[in-house]
Amino acid sequence: MLSVSLIPPSHGTDDLLGQSIKKFRYPNYDNQGQLKMEVAGNHAQVLPQGLIKIADLNMTFYEKGKKAMTIATPVCLYDRLKQTATSKSRVFVTRSEIKISGIGFDWNENDGVIRINDNSRVVMQKTEQKSNFETESTTSSVPSNLDFDTNNTVITSTTLTYDQKKSMAIFKGNVVVTDPDLKISSDRLTVSFLDDKKVKYINAEGNVHITRGIIYASAKMASYDLQEGKITLWGKPGIIRLKDQLTAESIVFWRNSDRIICEPEAHLIIYSDNMNDSFTGY
């Protein structure tokens, strides 16, 4: 068994061309000598033009000397000259309380973007749990029990683009957000994160549908401020509560209260048998 630390991209690998390497690691340092990334795997084949085919890839990213994110996949093609990686296999991404899985991915070190190409699934933990960096294996970077924790928020979509530098994720195609007491579906969803990687706000576009208890809302666009618990609807928005119906050019409501603001041209229909359970609107 051969254990090798691959040489930096600034040097050639002609001496390793065509070789198969087992149990290897390739650290990458910034200009200050701080470890910023490490590529590791159980098996690798060195190909021409700086390409490396890796089995059981595990990429670990560091911020200020601490582990910040991992990417794991069974098979990957890594380009150490362009600092890119691509795979058609299942992939797992772990960052703080955010767990991402999907099929196929593309990664680019220069722009800090990770793209999940199909069957994207994101689990955002709300409960405090011990970090899995030290205990999870390469092929099980996302603990299966996360999906069954009702305190978590789960987002599924066809594709996902996560920009590490901008702390922003863009979901496209059949997007569904499932929260403990709120469900959002749309064609496209943009999620912005705070510095501590908690969600700051969500913007939904195209065929937006929101369900919270007995309230059902629809619109062309919606924004959700998680800090205030405020949801704003635009583009022919409407809300149905039991049989009551409310429309306006813009509708704002809060997830933790019955308060609703509609402006302008608000139109409210209240059925007589629901008079005791109608909207509180302004």
Protein backbone atom coordinates (compact mmCIF):
# COMPACT_ATOMS: atom_id res chain seq x y z
CA MET A 1 0.00 0.00 0.00
CA LEU A 2 1.38 3.39 -1.04
CA SER A 3 0.64 6.54 0.93
CA VAL A 4 1.44 9.78 -0.92
CA SER A 5 0.99 13.50 -0.31
CA LEU A 6 0.65 14.92 -3.80
CA ILE A 7 2.93 17.82 -4.71
CA PRO A 8 1.52 21.34 -5.21
CA PRO A 9 -0.07 22.31 -8.55
CA SER A 10 2.89 24.55 -9.38
CA HIS A 11 5.01 21.44 -9.93
CA GLY A 12 4.63 18.71 -12.53
CA THR A 13 3.42 15.15 -11.96
CA ASP A 14 5.07 13.45 -14.93
CA ASP A 15 6.83 11.10 -12.53
CA LEU A 16 3.43 9.93 -11.23
CA LEU A 17 1.59 9.86 -14.59
CA GLY A 18 -0.36 6.63 -15.03
CA GLN A 19 0.32 5.44 -11.51
CA SER A 20 -2.33 4.21 -9.12
CA ILE A 21 -2.05 5.62 -5.61
CA LYS A 22 -3.71 4.21 -2.51
CA LYS A 23 -4.60 6.10 0.66
CA PHE A 24 -3.38 9.52 -0.43
CA ARG A 25 -3.84 13.10 0.73
CA TYR A 26 -3.17 16.37 -1.07
CA PRO A 27 -3.04 19.50 1.15
CA ASN A 28 -3.40 22.98 -0.33
CA TYR A 29 -2.14 26.07 1.53
CA ASP A 30 -2.83 29.80 1.16
CA ASN A 31 -0.20 32.52 0.77
CA GLN A 32 0.26 32.72 4.55
CA GLY A 33 0.95 29.00 4.81
CA GLN A 34 -2.43 28.23 6.38
CA LEU A 35 -4.10 24.98 5.35
CA LYS A 36 -7.17 25.95 3.31
CA MET A 37 -8.13 22.64 1.70
CA GLU A 38 -7.19 18.97 1.69
CA VAL A 39 -8.11 16.38 -0.93
CA ALA A 40 -7.99 12.75 0.19
CA GLY A 41 -9.13 9.39 -1.12
CA ASN A 42 -8.72 5.64 -0.88
CA HIS A 43 -7.51 5.26 -4.45
CA ALA A 44 -6.40 7.60 -7.24
CA GLN A 45 -5.17 7.31 -10.81
CA VAL A 46 -2.94 10.10 -12.12
CA LEU A 47 -4.05 11.16 -15.62
CA PRO A 48 -2.52 13.64 -18.12
CA GLN A 49 -3.01 17.44 -17.90
CA GLY A 50 -3.23 17.53 -14.12
CA LEU A 51 -6.30 15.30 -13.85
CA ILE A 52 -6.70 12.76 -11.06
CA LYS A 53 -9.47 10.16 -10.94
CA ILE A 54 -10.29 9.59 -7.28
CA ALA A 55 -12.27 6.86 -5.54
CA ASP A 56 -13.90 7.70 -2.19
CA LEU A 57 -13.07 11.38 -2.43
CA ASN A 58 -13.16 13.48 0.73
CA MET A 59 -12.45 17.19 0.33
CA THR A 60 -12.05 19.14 3.56
CA PHE A 61 -12.10 22.94 3.65
CA TYR A 62 -10.62 25.01 6.47
CA GLU A 63 -11.33 28.51 7.79
CA LYS A 64 -8.90 30.03 10.31
CA GLY A 65 -7.33 26.63 10.88
CA LYS A 66 -10.62 24.86 11.65
CA LYS A 67 -12.66 22.47 9.55
CA ALA A 68 -15.49 24.37 7.87
CA MET A 69 -16.91 22.08 5.17
CA THR A 70 -16.49 18.64 3.61
CA ILE A 71 -17.45 17.19 0.22
CA ALA A 72 -17.60 13.40 -0.14
CA THR A 73 -18.39 11.21 -3.18
CA PRO A 74 -17.53 7.66 -4.30
CA VAL A 75 -15.97 8.67 -7.65
CA CYS A 76 -14.61 12.05 -8.77
CA LEU A 77 -12.42 13.65 -11.43
CA TYR A 78 -10.19 16.27 -9.80
CA ASP A 79 -8.25 18.88 -11.80
CA ARG A 80 -5.47 20.16 -9.54
CA LEU A 81 -4.29 22.73 -12.10
CA LYS A 82 -7.70 24.43 -12.50
CA GLN A 83 -8.73 23.60 -8.92
CA THR A 84 -12.02 22.03 -10.00
CA ALA A 85 -13.80 18.74 -9.30
CA THR A 86 -16.68 16.98 -11.00
CA SER A 87 -18.66 13.79 -10.43
CA LYS A 88 -21.78 12.02 -11.65
CA SER A 89 -22.06 9.98 -8.45
CA ARG A 90 -23.96 10.69 -5.25
CA VAL A 91 -22.42 13.50 -3.24
CA PHE A 92 -22.63 14.67 0.38
CA VAL A 93 -21.70 18.15 1.57
CA THR A 94 -21.47 19.03 5.27
CA ARG A 95 -21.11 22.57 6.61
CA SER A 96 -21.93 23.46 10.20
CA GLU A 97 -25.62 22.63 10.72
CA ILE A 98 -26.25 22.33 6.95
CA LYS A 99 -26.23 18.90 5.29
CA ILE A 100 -26.49 18.65 1.49
CA SER A 101 -26.90 15.57 -0.68
CA GLY A 102 -27.58 14.97 -4.36
CA ILE A 103 -26.49 13.22 -7.54
CA GLY A 104 -23.58 14.67 -9.50
CA PHE A 105 -21.69 17.84 -8.63
CA ASP A 106 -19.30 20.46 -10.00
CA TRP A 107 -16.96 22.47 -7.79
CA ASN A 108 -14.70 25.42 -8.60
CA GLU A 109 -12.15 26.69 -6.06
CA ASN A 110 -11.69 30.06 -7.81
CA ASP A 111 -15.30 31.24 -7.48
CA GLY A 112 -16.18 29.11 -4.44
CA VAL A 113 -19.25 27.61 -6.09
CA ILE A 114 -20.64 24.09 -5.61
CA ARG A 115 -23.38 22.88 -7.95
CA ILE A 116 -25.54 19.82 -7.25
CA ASN A 117 -26.83 18.62 -10.61
CA ASP A 118 -29.83 16.49 -9.65
CA ASN A 119 -32.01 15.34 -6.75
CA SER A 120 -30.74 18.03 -4.38
CA ARG A 121 -31.68 17.71 -0.71
CA VAL A 122 -30.68 20.10 2.06
CA VAL A 123 -31.27 19.52 5.77
CA MET A 124 -30.83 22.54 8.05
CA GLN A 125 -30.49 21.51 11.69
CA LYS A 126 -32.24 23.60 14.31
CA THR A 127 -31.24 21.49 17.27
CA GLU A 128 -27.77 21.64 18.73
CA GLN A 129 -25.89 18.52 17.78
CA LYS A 130 -22.25 17.47 18.02
CA SER A 131 -20.26 18.03 14.83
CA ASN A 132 -19.99 15.00 12.59
CA PHE A 133 -16.62 15.99 11.06
CA GLU A 134 -14.62 13.66 13.28
CA THR A 135 -16.98 10.69 13.28
CA GLU A 136 -18.56 10.41 9.84
CA SER A 137 -16.94 8.26 7.16
CA THR A 138 -16.37 9.32 3.54
CA THR A 139 -19.44 7.54 2.25
CA SER A 140 -21.82 8.58 5.05
CA SER A 141 -21.24 12.30 5.53
CA VAL A 142 -24.95 12.93 6.10
CA PRO A 143 -26.43 11.10 9.10
CA SER A 144 -29.65 9.41 8.03
CA ASN A 145 -31.53 10.38 11.20
CA LEU A 146 -31.48 14.08 10.28
CA ASP A 147 -34.43 13.60 7.93
CA PHE A 148 -36.58 12.37 10.79
CA ASP A 149 -35.85 15.25 13.18
CA THR A 150 -39.00 17.37 13.12
CA ASN A 151 -37.02 20.40 14.33
CA ASN A 152 -35.10 20.57 11.04
CA THR A 153 -35.90 22.40 7.80
CA VAL A 154 -35.61 20.32 4.62
CA ILE A 155 -35.31 21.78 1.10
CA THR A 156 -35.54 19.59 -1.99
CA SER A 157 -35.08 20.64 -5.63
CA THR A 158 -33.75 19.45 -8.97
CA THR A 159 -30.53 21.50 -8.86
CA LEU A 160 -28.68 23.52 -6.24
CA THR A 161 -25.93 26.12 -6.62
CA TYR A 162 -24.17 27.06 -3.39
CA ASP A 163 -21.87 30.10 -3.40
CA GLN A 164 -19.52 29.87 -0.42
CA LYS A 165 -18.17 33.42 -0.83
CA LYS A 166 -21.59 35.06 -1.02
CA SER A 167 -23.16 32.71 1.58
CA MET A 168 -26.05 32.11 -0.79
CA ALA A 169 -27.82 29.05 -2.22
CA ILE A 170 -30.03 28.97 -5.33
CA PHE A 171 -32.49 26.09 -5.80
CA LYS A 172 -34.17 25.43 -9.15
CA GLY A 173 -36.87 23.04 -10.31
CA ASN A 174 -39.67 21.61 -8.16
CA VAL A 175 -38.46 23.40 -5.03
CA VAL A 176 -40.12 22.35 -1.77
CA VAL A 177 -39.29 23.75 1.68
CA THR A 178 -40.63 21.74 4.62
CA ASP A 179 -40.41 23.47 7.99
CA PRO A 180 -41.90 22.24 11.31
CA ASP A 181 -45.04 24.35 10.75
CA LEU A 182 -44.58 25.87 7.28
CA LYS A 183 -44.35 24.51 3.74
CA ILE A 184 -43.23 26.49 0.66
CA SER A 185 -43.10 25.32 -2.95
CA SER A 186 -41.86 27.30 -5.98
CA ASP A 187 -39.94 27.09 -9.26
CA ARG A 188 -36.89 28.87 -7.86
CA LEU A 189 -35.67 29.64 -4.35
CA THR A 190 -32.81 31.81 -3.10
CA VAL A 191 -31.54 31.36 0.46
CA SER A 192 -29.20 33.88 2.10
CA PHE A 193 -27.18 32.86 5.16
CA LEU A 194 -25.83 34.86 8.09
CA ASP A 195 -22.17 34.70 9.12
CA ASP A 196 -22.96 31.84 11.49
CA LYS A 197 -24.54 29.97 8.53
CA LYS A 198 -28.07 30.31 9.86
CA VAL A 199 -30.70 31.31 7.30
CA LYS A 200 -31.29 35.07 7.04
CA TYR A 201 -34.03 35.19 4.41
CA ILE A 202 -35.65 33.19 1.62
CA ASN A 203 -36.88 34.51 -1.72
CA ALA A 204 -39.24 32.31 -3.76
CA GLU A 205 -40.14 32.90 -7.42
CA GLY A 206 -42.64 31.31 -9.79
CA ASN A 207 -45.76 29.37 -8.77
CA VAL A 208 -45.25 30.12 -5.08
CA HIS A 209 -47.49 28.18 -2.69
CA ILE A 210 -47.31 28.44 1.10
CA THR A 211 -49.15 26.34 3.65
CA ARG A 212 -49.25 27.08 7.39
CA GLY A 213 -51.88 25.27 9.37
CA ILE A 214 -55.30 26.28 8.02
CA ILE A 215 -53.81 29.12 5.93
CA TYR A 216 -52.97 28.59 2.26
CA ALA A 217 -51.26 31.36 0.26
CA SER A 218 -50.21 31.71 -3.37
CA ALA A 219 -48.33 34.32 -5.41
CA LYS A 220 -45.79 34.78 -8.18
CA MET A 221 -43.11 35.87 -5.70
CA ALA A 222 -42.57 35.72 -1.96
CA SER A 223 -39.91 36.69 0.58
CA TYR A 224 -39.52 35.18 4.02
CA ASP A 225 -37.53 37.01 6.72
CA LEU A 226 -36.72 34.32 9.26
CA GLN A 227 -35.47 36.78 11.88
CA GLU A 228 -38.84 38.60 11.97
CA GLY A 229 -40.96 35.63 10.92
CA LYS A 230 -42.43 37.90 8.21
CA ILE A 231 -43.67 36.64 4.84
CA THR A 232 -44.38 39.07 1.97
CA LEU A 233 -46.30 38.06 -1.18
CA TRP A 234 -46.28 39.84 -4.58
CA GLY A 235 -47.74 39.12 -8.01
CA LYS A 236 -51.46 38.43 -7.69
CA PRO A 237 -51.17 37.15 -4.12
CA GLY A 238 -54.05 35.47 -2.39
CA ILE A 239 -54.72 33.83 0.96
CA ILE A 240 -57.38 31.31 1.85
CA ARG A 241 -58.22 30.54 5.46
CA LEU A 242 -60.85 27.84 5.71
CA LYS A 243 -63.41 29.37 3.31
CA ASP A 244 -62.40 33.02 3.73
CA GLN A 245 -60.47 34.58 0.82
CA LEU A 246 -58.18 37.59 0.76
CA THR A 247 -56.48 39.27 -2.22
CA ALA A 248 -54.45 42.47 -2.74
CA GLU A 249 -51.46 43.76 -4.69
CA SER A 250 -49.20 42.98 -1.73
CA ILE A 251 -49.87 40.82 1.32
CA VAL A 252 -47.70 40.59 4.45
CA PHE A 253 -48.30 38.13 7.26
CA TRP A 254 -46.37 36.79 10.25
CA ARG A 255 -45.92 33.09 10.90
CA ASN A 256 -46.39 33.40 14.67
CA SER A 257 -49.51 35.58 14.66
CA ASP A 258 -52.79 36.19 12.83
CA ARG A 259 -51.83 39.70 11.78
CA ILE A 260 -52.06 40.40 8.03
CA ILE A 261 -51.32 43.65 6.15
CA CYS A 262 -52.80 44.09 2.65
CA GLU A 263 -52.20 47.04 0.32
CA PRO A 264 -53.46 48.41 -1.92
CA GLU A 265 -56.83 47.33 -3.30
CA ALA A 266 -57.42 44.70 -0.67
CA HIS A 267 -60.44 42.48 -1.18
CA LEU A 268 -61.79 40.22 1.57
CA ILE A 269 -64.58 37.66 1.35
CA ILE A 270 -65.79 36.25 4.69
CA TYR A 271 -68.29 33.42 4.78
CA SER A 272 -70.93 33.78 7.48
CA ASP A 273 -70.26 30.40 9.07
CA ASN A 274 -66.65 31.45 9.69
CA MET A 275 -67.30 34.90 11.14
CA ASN A 276 -65.77 33.88 14.47
CA ASP A 277 -62.60 32.60 12.82
CA SER A 278 -61.78 35.27 10.25
CA PHE A 279 -58.71 37.31 9.41
CA THR A 280 -57.31 40.14 11.48
CA GLY A 281 -56.34 42.50 8.66
CA TYR A 282 -55.09 46.06 8.25
